Amino acid sequence: MANPQVEHGHTRIANEILDQIMKLNLNGTQFRIVMAVWRYTYGFQRKEHEMSLNFIAKAIDASRTQVNRELSVLIDRKIIKSDSGPKGVRILSFNKNYDEWEHCTLNRAQYSNSRTEVYSNQSTDVYSNQRTKKENNKENNKKNIYVEIIEYLNKKAGKRFSPKSQANRKLINGRLAEGRTVEDFKYVIDVKCDHWLDDPKMNEYLRPSTLFAQKNFENYLNQKPKNQKTVKTTDIRDKEIEFQRWVAEGNDPDEFDWNI
């Protein structure tokens, strides 16, 4: 949590300067450059400081070309002073004599650049917000699906599995990626509860790792409840009997091959 305090450092700016700077026609980049000059001069109790284009660009998170263009405007308007230091280093300072500032309106090119910059920033922010909102909604929908499926299983089978379990979520995501729906999950849960709920040996396999495993899910999805007559009932029932025999022999139910 951000908690800035003046005792941790502050920049003293005369109110008279603030009153005047508010009246200037400055685009976003120009104003940020002024802020950077204040920060690295007045913020350190000095009147001027060495500041390269790269230094300012990094400080205000802008491109070097953008800084070069807008700094030139500020210098031309006598808001920022620029001198050459040792070895040609650029020395910048803020001109606090606001009577010397040129209060001209932006020319057509500058106005166009300013509008483009503002629109670009706004568009980026809007797109970023929309994308974040969309991603959040998608994530919330996924969480709701986990809860709906796992709680349905818990209710039908009398279990206490967690929808927050990464292992359970991975299994659900895998089937969803194959185009399966929440109703498909519920159908599998219903069918296998009908088959196994009252069977002490099979009841323990009413779990996500068995029900939602890739090699089991499609087969369970094509099975029918015990009391529902269907075509090929004999084949499906025979396979179920083989599966129960497989488990009774002490084998892992997740290793049973339904396709044989």
C-alpha atoms as a PDB file:
ATOM      1  CA  MET A   1       0.000   0.000   0.000  1.00  0.00           C
ATOM      2  CA  ALA A   2       1.436   3.379  -1.010  1.00  0.00           C
ATOM      3  CA  ASN A   3       2.070   5.692   1.939  1.00  0.00           C
ATOM      4  CA  PRO A   4       4.041   8.769   0.803  1.00  0.00           C
ATOM      5  CA  GLN A   5       5.030  11.192   3.547  1.00  0.00           C
ATOM      6  CA  VAL A   6       6.710  14.592   3.205  1.00  0.00           C
ATOM      7  CA  GLU A   7       9.279  13.615   5.827  1.00  0.00           C
ATOM      8  CA  HIS A   8      10.549  11.009   3.361  1.00  0.00           C
ATOM      9  CA  GLY A   9      11.369  13.764   0.882  1.00  0.00           C
ATOM     10  CA  HIS A  10       9.455  16.533  -0.860  1.00  0.00           C
ATOM     11  CA  THR A  11       9.865  19.197  -3.522  1.00  0.00           C
ATOM     12  CA  ARG A  12       9.245  22.829  -2.601  1.00  0.00           C
ATOM     13  CA  ILE A  13       7.453  24.767  -5.328  1.00  0.00           C
ATOM     14  CA  ALA A  14       6.282  28.324  -4.827  1.00  0.00           C
ATOM     15  CA  ASN A  15       2.517  28.681  -5.093  1.00  0.00           C
ATOM     16  CA  GLU A  16       3.044  31.596  -7.470  1.00  0.00           C
ATOM     17  CA  ILE A  17       4.800  29.257  -9.916  1.00  0.00           C
ATOM     18  CA  LEU A  18       2.003  26.701  -9.646  1.00  0.00           C
ATOM     19  CA  ASP A  19      -0.576  29.410 -10.282  1.00  0.00           C
ATOM     20  CA  GLN A  20       1.206  30.414 -13.485  1.00  0.00           C
ATOM     21  CA  ILE A  21       2.081  26.947 -14.783  1.00  0.00           C
ATOM     22  CA  MET A  22      -1.608  25.969 -14.585  1.00  0.00           C
ATOM     23  CA  LYS A  23      -2.424  28.672 -17.112  1.00  0.00           C
ATOM     24  CA  LEU A  24      -0.028  27.375 -19.762  1.00  0.00           C
ATOM     25  CA  ASN A  25      -1.050  25.389 -22.805  1.00  0.00           C
ATOM     26  CA  LEU A  26       1.176  22.346 -22.254  1.00  0.00           C
ATOM     27  CA  ASN A  27       0.558  18.896 -23.618  1.00  0.00           C
ATOM     28  CA  GLY A  28       1.028  15.846 -21.448  1.00  0.00           C
ATOM     29  CA  THR A  29       4.661  15.194 -22.293  1.00  0.00           C
ATOM     30  CA  GLN A  30       5.656  18.842 -21.864  1.00  0.00           C
ATOM     31  CA  PHE A  31       4.073  19.003 -18.424  1.00  0.00           C
ATOM     32  CA  ARG A  32       5.765  15.743 -17.377  1.00  0.00           C
ATOM     33  CA  ILE A  33       9.132  17.140 -18.481  1.00  0.00           C
ATOM     34  CA  VAL A  34       8.556  20.241 -16.325  1.00  0.00           C
ATOM     35  CA  MET A  35       7.731  17.940 -13.413  1.00  0.00           C
ATOM     36  CA  ALA A  36      10.935  15.976 -14.011  1.00  0.00           C
ATOM     37  CA  VAL A  37      13.038  19.148 -14.058  1.00  0.00           C
ATOM     38  CA  TRP A  38      11.412  20.293 -10.778  1.00  0.00           C
ATOM     39  CA  ARG A  39      11.984  16.864  -9.228  1.00  0.00           C
ATOM     40  CA  TYR A  40      15.701  16.726 -10.011  1.00  0.00           C
ATOM     41  CA  THR A  41      16.448  20.371  -9.290  1.00  0.00           C
ATOM     42  CA  TYR A  42      14.159  21.795  -6.599  1.00  0.00           C
ATOM     43  CA  GLY A  43      13.681  18.266  -5.229  1.00  0.00           C
ATOM     44  CA  PHE A  44      17.393  18.266  -4.340  1.00  0.00           C
ATOM     45  CA  GLN A  45      17.557  21.949  -3.280  1.00  0.00           C
ATOM     46  CA  ARG A  46      19.431  22.973  -6.425  1.00  0.00           C
ATOM     47  CA  LYS A  47      18.635  25.268  -9.337  1.00  0.00           C
ATOM     48  CA  GLU A  48      20.025  23.205 -12.206  1.00  0.00           C
ATOM     49  CA  HIS A  49      21.121  19.683 -12.995  1.00  0.00           C
ATOM     50  CA  GLU A  50      22.639  17.537 -15.734  1.00  0.00           C
ATOM     51  CA  MET A  51      19.822  15.758 -17.560  1.00  0.00           C
ATOM     52  CA  SER A  52      20.223  13.911 -20.821  1.00  0.00           C
ATOM     53  CA  LEU A  53      17.357  13.005 -23.123  1.00  0.00           C
ATOM     54  CA  ASN A  54      17.686   9.369 -22.079  1.00  0.00           C
ATOM     55  CA  PHE A  55      17.550  10.347 -18.407  1.00  0.00           C
ATOM     56  CA  ILE A  56      14.324  12.324 -18.850  1.00  0.00           C
ATOM     57  CA  ALA A  57      12.779   9.681 -21.105  1.00  0.00           C
ATOM     58  CA  LYS A  58      13.335   7.054 -18.423  1.00  0.00           C
ATOM     59  CA  ALA A  59      12.087   9.366 -15.660  1.00  0.00           C
ATOM     60  CA  ILE A  60       8.747  10.101 -17.374  1.00  0.00           C
ATOM     61  CA  ASP A  61       8.421   6.775 -19.197  1.00  0.00           C
ATOM     62  CA  ALA A  62       8.444   8.243 -22.700  1.00  0.00           C
ATOM     63  CA  SER A  63      10.482   7.764 -25.870  1.00  0.00           C
ATOM     64  CA  ARG A  64      13.695   9.715 -26.470  1.00  0.00           C
ATOM     65  CA  THR A  65      12.283  11.159 -29.696  1.00  0.00           C
ATOM     66  CA  GLN A  66       9.170  12.347 -27.897  1.00  0.00           C
ATOM     67  CA  VAL A  67      11.223  13.990 -25.133  1.00  0.00           C
ATOM     68  CA  ASN A  68      13.558  15.663 -27.634  1.00  0.00           C
ATOM     69  CA  ARG A  69      10.627  17.174 -29.539  1.00  0.00           C
ATOM     70  CA  GLU A  70       8.690  18.484 -26.522  1.00  0.00           C
ATOM     71  CA  LEU A  71      11.759  19.672 -24.596  1.00  0.00           C
ATOM     72  CA  SER A  72      12.716  21.798 -27.614  1.00  0.00           C
ATOM     73  CA  VAL A  73       9.272  23.431 -27.436  1.00  0.00           C
ATOM     74  CA  LEU A  74       9.706  24.174 -23.718  1.00  0.00           C
ATOM     75  CA  ILE A  75      13.131  25.709 -24.354  1.00  0.00           C
ATOM     76  CA  ASP A  76      11.823  27.793 -27.268  1.00  0.00           C
ATOM     77  CA  ARG A  77       9.014  29.061 -25.039  1.00  0.00           C
ATOM     78  CA  LYS A  78      11.612  29.964 -22.364  1.00  0.00           C
ATOM     79  CA  ILE A  79       9.973  27.766 -19.736  1.00  0.00           C
ATOM     80  CA  ILE A  80      13.033  25.528 -19.482  1.00  0.00           C
ATOM     81  CA  LYS A  81      16.592  26.771 -19.779  1.00  0.00           C
ATOM     82  CA  SER A  82      19.284  24.663 -21.350  1.00  0.00           C
ATOM     83  CA  ASP A  83      23.037  25.193 -21.067  1.00  0.00           C
ATOM     84  CA  SER A  84      26.059  23.125 -21.964  1.00  0.00           C
ATOM     85  CA  GLY A  85      28.173  21.780 -19.133  1.00  0.00           C
ATOM     86  CA  PRO A  86      31.580  20.084 -19.186  1.00  0.00           C
ATOM     87  CA  LYS A  87      32.100  17.848 -22.198  1.00  0.00           C
ATOM     88  CA  GLY A  88      28.877  19.123 -23.759  1.00  0.00           C
ATOM     89  CA  VAL A  89      26.595  17.694 -21.052  1.00  0.00           C
ATOM     90  CA  ARG A  90      23.120  19.251 -21.093  1.00  0.00           C
ATOM     91  CA  ILE A  91      22.320  21.331 -17.994  1.00  0.00           C
ATOM     92  CA  LEU A  92      18.628  22.024 -17.456  1.00  0.00           C
ATOM     93  CA  SER A  93      16.880  24.453 -15.142  1.00  0.00           C
ATOM     94  CA  PHE A  94      13.391  25.859 -14.710  1.00  0.00           C
ATOM     95  CA  ASN A  95      12.846  29.519 -15.609  1.00  0.00           C
ATOM     96  CA  LYS A  96      10.844  30.825 -12.657  1.00  0.00           C
ATOM     97  CA  ASN A  97      10.571  34.295 -14.249  1.00  0.00           C
ATOM     98  CA  TYR A  98       7.181  33.553 -15.766  1.00  0.00           C
ATOM     99  CA  ASP A  99       7.048  36.999 -17.389  1.00  0.00           C
ATOM    100  CA  GLU A 100       9.512  35.614 -19.929  1.00  0.00           C
ATOM    101  CA  TRP A 101       7.373  32.621 -20.776  1.00  0.00           C
ATOM    102  CA  GLU A 102       5.707  32.632 -24.146  1.00  0.00           C
ATOM    103  CA  HIS A 103       2.003  32.064 -23.503  1.00  0.00           C
ATOM    104  CA  CYS A 104       1.319  31.261 -27.120  1.00  0.00           C
ATOM    105  CA  THR A 105      -1.367  28.816 -28.068  1.00  0.00           C
ATOM    106  CA  LEU A 106      -0.297  25.558 -29.627  1.00  0.00           C
ATOM    107  CA  ASN A 107       0.269  25.742 -33.341  1.00  0.00           C
ATOM    108  CA  ARG A 108      -1.549  23.295 -35.604  1.00  0.00           C
ATOM    109  CA  ALA A 109       1.257  20.715 -35.585  1.00  0.00           C
ATOM    110  CA  GLN A 110       1.705  20.881 -31.811  1.00  0.00           C
ATOM    111  CA  TYR A 111      -2.049  20.710 -31.252  1.00  0.00           C
ATOM    112  CA  SER A 112      -2.251  17.667 -33.503  1.00  0.00           C
ATOM    113  CA  ASN A 113       0.630  15.992 -31.666  1.00  0.00           C
ATOM    114  CA  SER A 114      -0.968  16.806 -28.323  1.00  0.00           C
ATOM    115  CA  ARG A 115      -4.371  15.437 -29.362  1.00  0.00           C
ATOM    116  CA  THR A 116      -2.755  12.328 -30.803  1.00  0.00           C
ATOM    117  CA  GLU A 117      -0.840  11.754 -27.590  1.00  0.00           C
ATOM    118  CA  VAL A 118      -3.909  12.223 -25.392  1.00  0.00           C
ATOM    119  CA  TYR A 119      -6.073  10.034 -27.608  1.00  0.00           C
ATOM    120  CA  SER A 120      -3.368   7.377 -27.722  1.00  0.00           C
ATOM    121  CA  ASN A 121      -3.039   7.358 -23.944  1.00  0.00           C
ATOM    122  CA  GLN A 122      -6.805   7.269 -23.459  1.00  0.00           C
ATOM    123  CA  SER A 123      -7.241   4.516 -26.021  1.00  0.00           C
ATOM    124  CA  THR A 124      -4.506   2.480 -24.360  1.00  0.00           C
ATOM    125  CA  ASP A 125      -6.098   2.964 -20.943  1.00  0.00           C
ATOM    126  CA  VAL A 126      -9.568   2.051 -22.221  1.00  0.00           C
ATOM    127  CA  TYR A 127      -8.269  -1.027 -24.034  1.00  0.00           C
ATOM    128  CA  SER A 128      -6.259  -2.047 -20.981  1.00  0.00           C
ATOM    129  CA  ASN A 129      -9.271  -1.601 -18.696  1.00  0.00           C
ATOM    130  CA  GLN A 130     -11.558  -3.509 -21.060  1.00  0.00           C
ATOM    131  CA  ARG A 131      -9.049  -6.298 -21.395  1.00  0.00           C
ATOM    132  CA  THR A 132      -8.544  -6.495 -17.629  1.00  0.00           C
ATOM    133  CA  LYS A 133     -12.307  -6.512 -17.063  1.00  0.00           C
ATOM    134  CA  LYS A 134     -12.772  -9.226 -19.673  1.00  0.00           C
ATOM    135  CA  GLU A 135     -10.001 -11.342 -18.149  1.00  0.00           C
ATOM    136  CA  ASN A 136     -11.458 -10.861 -14.662  1.00  0.00           C
ATOM    137  CA  ASN A 137     -14.910 -11.889 -15.881  1.00  0.00           C
ATOM    138  CA  LYS A 138     -13.449 -14.951 -17.576  1.00  0.00           C
ATOM    139  CA  GLU A 139     -11.572 -15.895 -14.413  1.00  0.00           C
ATOM    140  CA  ASN A 140     -14.686 -15.404 -12.271  1.00  0.00           C
ATOM    141  CA  ASN A 141     -16.718 -17.560 -14.665  1.00  0.00           C
ATOM    142  CA  LYS A 142     -14.111 -20.309 -14.409  1.00  0.00           C
ATOM    143  CA  LYS A 143     -14.230 -20.147 -10.599  1.00  0.00           C
ATOM    144  CA  ASN A 144     -18.015 -20.394 -10.705  1.00  0.00           C
ATOM    145  CA  ILE A 145     -17.780 -23.475 -12.917  1.00  0.00           C
ATOM    146  CA  TYR A 146     -15.366 -25.174 -10.531  1.00  0.00           C
ATOM    147  CA  VAL A 147     -17.695 -24.470  -7.629  1.00  0.00           C
ATOM    148  CA  GLU A 148     -20.810 -25.633  -9.492  1.00  0.00           C
ATOM    149  CA  ILE A 149     -19.275 -28.944 -10.612  1.00  0.00           C
ATOM    150  CA  ILE A 150     -17.490 -29.880  -7.387  1.00  0.00           C
ATOM    151  CA  GLU A 151     -20.375 -28.873  -5.137  1.00  0.00           C
ATOM    152  CA  TYR A 152     -22.729 -30.909  -7.326  1.00  0.00           C
ATOM    153  CA  LEU A 153     -20.467 -33.936  -6.893  1.00  0.00           C
ATOM    154  CA  ASN A 154     -20.248 -33.375  -3.135  1.00  0.00           C
ATOM    155  CA  LYS A 155     -24.015 -33.109  -2.838  1.00  0.00           C
ATOM    156  CA  LYS A 156     -24.775 -36.188  -4.958  1.00  0.00           C
ATOM    157  CA  ALA A 157     -22.013 -38.412  -3.544  1.00  0.00           C
ATOM    158  CA  GLY A 158     -21.812 -37.079   0.003  1.00  0.00           C
ATOM    159  CA  LYS A 159     -18.185 -36.009  -0.444  1.00  0.00           C
ATOM    160  CA  ARG A 160     -16.121 -32.986   0.611  1.00  0.00           C
ATOM    161  CA  PHE A 161     -13.901 -32.228  -2.380  1.00  0.00           C
ATOM    162  CA  SER A 162     -12.600 -28.677  -2.754  1.00  0.00           C
ATOM    163  CA  PRO A 163     -13.283 -26.519  -5.837  1.00  0.00           C
ATOM    164  CA  LYS A 164     -10.047 -24.683  -4.991  1.00  0.00           C
ATOM    165  CA  SER A 165      -7.923 -27.800  -5.505  1.00  0.00           C
ATOM    166  CA  GLN A 166      -5.543 -27.259  -8.423  1.00  0.00           C
ATOM    167  CA  ALA A 167      -5.696 -30.968  -9.261  1.00  0.00           C
ATOM    168  CA  ASN A 168      -9.501 -30.832  -9.531  1.00  0.00           C
ATOM    169  CA  ARG A 169      -9.376 -27.630 -11.572  1.00  0.00           C
ATOM    170  CA  LYS A 170      -6.821 -29.130 -13.964  1.00  0.00           C
ATOM    171  CA  LEU A 171      -9.110 -32.096 -14.648  1.00  0.00           C
ATOM    172  CA  ILE A 172     -12.116 -29.830 -15.227  1.00  0.00           C
ATOM    173  CA  ASN A 173     -10.101 -27.493 -17.479  1.00  0.00           C
ATOM    174  CA  GLY A 174      -8.964 -30.464 -19.531  1.00  0.00           C
ATOM    175  CA  ARG A 175     -12.503 -31.591 -20.269  1.00  0.00           C
ATOM    176  CA  LEU A 176     -13.732 -28.051 -20.899  1.00  0.00           C
ATOM    177  CA  ALA A 177     -10.919 -27.618 -23.427  1.00  0.00           C
ATOM    178  CA  GLU A 178     -12.315 -30.653 -25.249  1.00  0.00           C
ATOM    179  CA  GLY A 179     -15.674 -28.916 -25.592  1.00  0.00           C
ATOM    180  CA  ARG A 180     -17.442 -30.565 -22.672  1.00  0.00           C
ATOM    181  CA  THR A 181     -20.086 -28.597 -20.785  1.00  0.00           C
ATOM    182  CA  VAL A 182     -21.113 -28.277 -17.151  1.00  0.00           C
ATOM    183  CA  GLU A 183     -24.146 -30.431 -17.975  1.00  0.00           C
ATOM    184  CA  ASP A 184     -21.805 -33.160 -19.234  1.00  0.00           C
ATOM    185  CA  PHE A 185     -20.023 -33.162 -15.881  1.00  0.00           C
ATOM    186  CA  LYS A 186     -23.326 -33.368 -14.036  1.00  0.00           C
ATOM    187  CA  TYR A 187     -24.468 -36.234 -16.251  1.00  0.00           C
ATOM    188  CA  VAL A 188     -21.302 -38.220 -15.524  1.00  0.00           C
ATOM    189  CA  ILE A 189     -21.735 -37.556 -11.808  1.00  0.00           C
ATOM    190  CA  ASP A 190     -25.384 -38.666 -11.940  1.00  0.00           C
ATOM    191  CA  VAL A 191     -24.626 -41.859 -13.885  1.00  0.00           C
ATOM    192  CA  LYS A 192     -21.729 -42.984 -11.729  1.00  0.00           C
ATOM    193  CA  CYS A 193     -23.547 -42.148  -8.503  1.00  0.00           C
ATOM    194  CA  ASP A 194     -26.397 -44.313  -9.784  1.00  0.00           C
ATOM    195  CA  HIS A 195     -23.911 -47.132 -10.458  1.00  0.00           C
ATOM    196  CA  TRP A 196     -21.600 -46.843  -7.457  1.00  0.00           C
ATOM    197  CA  LEU A 197     -23.151 -44.858  -4.621  1.00  0.00           C
ATOM    198  CA  ASP A 198     -24.604 -47.906  -2.866  1.00  0.00           C
ATOM    199  CA  ASP A 199     -21.621 -50.123  -3.642  1.00  0.00           C
ATOM    200  CA  PRO A 200     -19.132 -50.001  -0.722  1.00  0.00           C
ATOM    201  CA  LYS A 201     -16.244 -51.082  -2.966  1.00  0.00           C
ATOM    202  CA  MET A 202     -16.964 -48.559  -5.698  1.00  0.00           C
ATOM    203  CA  ASN A 203     -18.189 -45.608  -3.660  1.00  0.00           C
ATOM    204  CA  GLU A 204     -14.676 -44.389  -2.947  1.00  0.00           C
ATOM    205  CA  TYR A 205     -14.100 -43.929  -6.681  1.00  0.00           C
ATOM    206  CA  LEU A 206     -16.751 -41.225  -6.873  1.00  0.00           C
ATOM    207  CA  ARG A 207     -13.946 -38.691  -7.029  1.00  0.00           C
ATOM    208  CA  PRO A 208     -12.712 -36.119  -9.582  1.00  0.00           C
ATOM    209  CA  SER A 209      -9.527 -38.040 -10.366  1.00  0.00           C
ATOM    210  CA  THR A 210     -11.612 -40.996 -11.568  1.00  0.00           C
ATOM    211  CA  LEU A 211     -14.766 -39.355 -12.912  1.00  0.00           C
ATOM    212  CA  PHE A 212     -13.109 -36.494 -14.790  1.00  0.00           C
ATOM    213  CA  ALA A 213      -9.991 -38.308 -16.077  1.00  0.00           C
ATOM    214  CA  GLN A 214      -9.650 -38.061 -19.854  1.00  0.00           C
ATOM    215  CA  LYS A 215      -9.670 -41.829 -20.444  1.00  0.00           C
ATOM    216  CA  ASN A 216     -12.800 -42.319 -18.283  1.00  0.00           C
ATOM    217  CA  PHE A 217     -14.940 -39.258 -18.894  1.00  0.00           C
ATOM    218  CA  GLU A 218     -16.135 -40.019 -22.432  1.00  0.00           C
ATOM    219  CA  ASN A 219     -17.022 -43.592 -21.549  1.00  0.00           C
ATOM    220  CA  TYR A 220     -18.986 -42.510 -18.495  1.00  0.00           C
ATOM    221  CA  LEU A 221     -20.707 -39.853 -20.575  1.00  0.00           C
ATOM    222  CA  ASN A 222     -22.027 -42.583 -22.891  1.00  0.00           C
ATOM    223  CA  GLN A 223     -23.312 -44.824 -20.124  1.00  0.00           C
ATOM    224  CA  LYS A 224     -26.894 -44.863 -18.871  1.00  0.00           C
ATOM    225  CA  PRO A 225     -28.422 -45.167 -15.416  1.00  0.00           C
ATOM    226  CA  LYS A 226     -29.226 -48.723 -14.278  1.00  0.00           C
ATOM    227  CA  ASN A 227     -32.952 -48.383 -14.743  1.00  0.00           C
ATOM    228  CA  GLN A 228     -32.800 -46.846 -18.238  1.00  0.00           C
ATOM    229  CA  LYS A 229     -32.969 -49.252 -21.164  1.00  0.00           C
ATOM    230  CA  THR A 230     -30.877 -48.338 -24.180  1.00  0.00           C
ATOM    231  CA  VAL A 231     -29.483 -49.896 -27.277  1.00  0.00           C
ATOM    232  CA  LYS A 232     -26.196 -51.738 -26.598  1.00  0.00           C
ATOM    233  CA  THR A 233     -27.016 -51.948 -22.898  1.00  0.00           C
ATOM    234  CA  THR A 234     -25.401 -55.355 -22.796  1.00  0.00           C
ATOM    235  CA  ASP A 235     -22.059 -54.040 -24.091  1.00  0.00           C
ATOM    236  CA  ILE A 236     -21.983 -51.152 -21.657  1.00  0.00           C
ATOM    237  CA  ARG A 237     -23.026 -53.310 -18.723  1.00  0.00           C
ATOM    238  CA  ASP A 238     -20.447 -55.945 -19.593  1.00  0.00           C
ATOM    239  CA  LYS A 239     -17.771 -53.270 -19.546  1.00  0.00           C
ATOM    240  CA  GLU A 240     -19.020 -52.042 -16.171  1.00  0.00           C
ATOM    241  CA  ILE A 241     -18.833 -55.561 -14.778  1.00  0.00           C
ATOM    242  CA  GLU A 242     -15.280 -55.914 -16.081  1.00  0.00           C
ATOM    243  CA  PHE A 243     -14.394 -52.595 -14.471  1.00  0.00           C
ATOM    244  CA  GLN A 244     -15.764 -53.667 -11.083  1.00  0.00           C
ATOM    245  CA  ARG A 245     -13.899 -56.974 -11.339  1.00  0.00           C
ATOM    246  CA  TRP A 246     -10.731 -54.995 -12.183  1.00  0.00           C
ATOM    247  CA  VAL A 247     -11.119 -52.916  -9.047  1.00  0.00           C
ATOM    248  CA  ALA A 248     -12.042 -55.927  -6.880  1.00  0.00           C
ATOM    249  CA  GLU A 249      -8.741 -57.494  -7.880  1.00  0.00           C
ATOM    250  CA  GLY A 250      -6.931 -54.536  -6.356  1.00  0.00           C
ATOM    251  CA  ASN A 251      -6.104 -52.674  -9.559  1.00  0.00           C
ATOM    252  CA  ASP A 252      -6.129 -48.897  -9.951  1.00  0.00           C
ATOM    253  CA  PRO A 253      -9.478 -47.869 -11.492  1.00  0.00           C
ATOM    254  CA  ASP A 254      -7.784 -45.010 -13.325  1.00  0.00           C
ATOM    255  CA  GLU A 255      -5.682 -47.544 -15.253  1.00  0.00           C
ATOM    256  CA  PHE A 256      -8.661 -49.491 -16.583  1.00  0.00           C
ATOM    257  CA  ASP A 257      -8.874 -49.397 -20.394  1.00  0.00           C
ATOM    258  CA  TRP A 258     -12.458 -48.798 -21.473  1.00  0.00           C
ATOM    259  CA  ASN A 259     -11.564 -49.083 -25.140  1.00  0.00           C
ATOM    260  CA  ILE A 260     -10.601 -52.772 -25.146  1.00  0.00           C
END
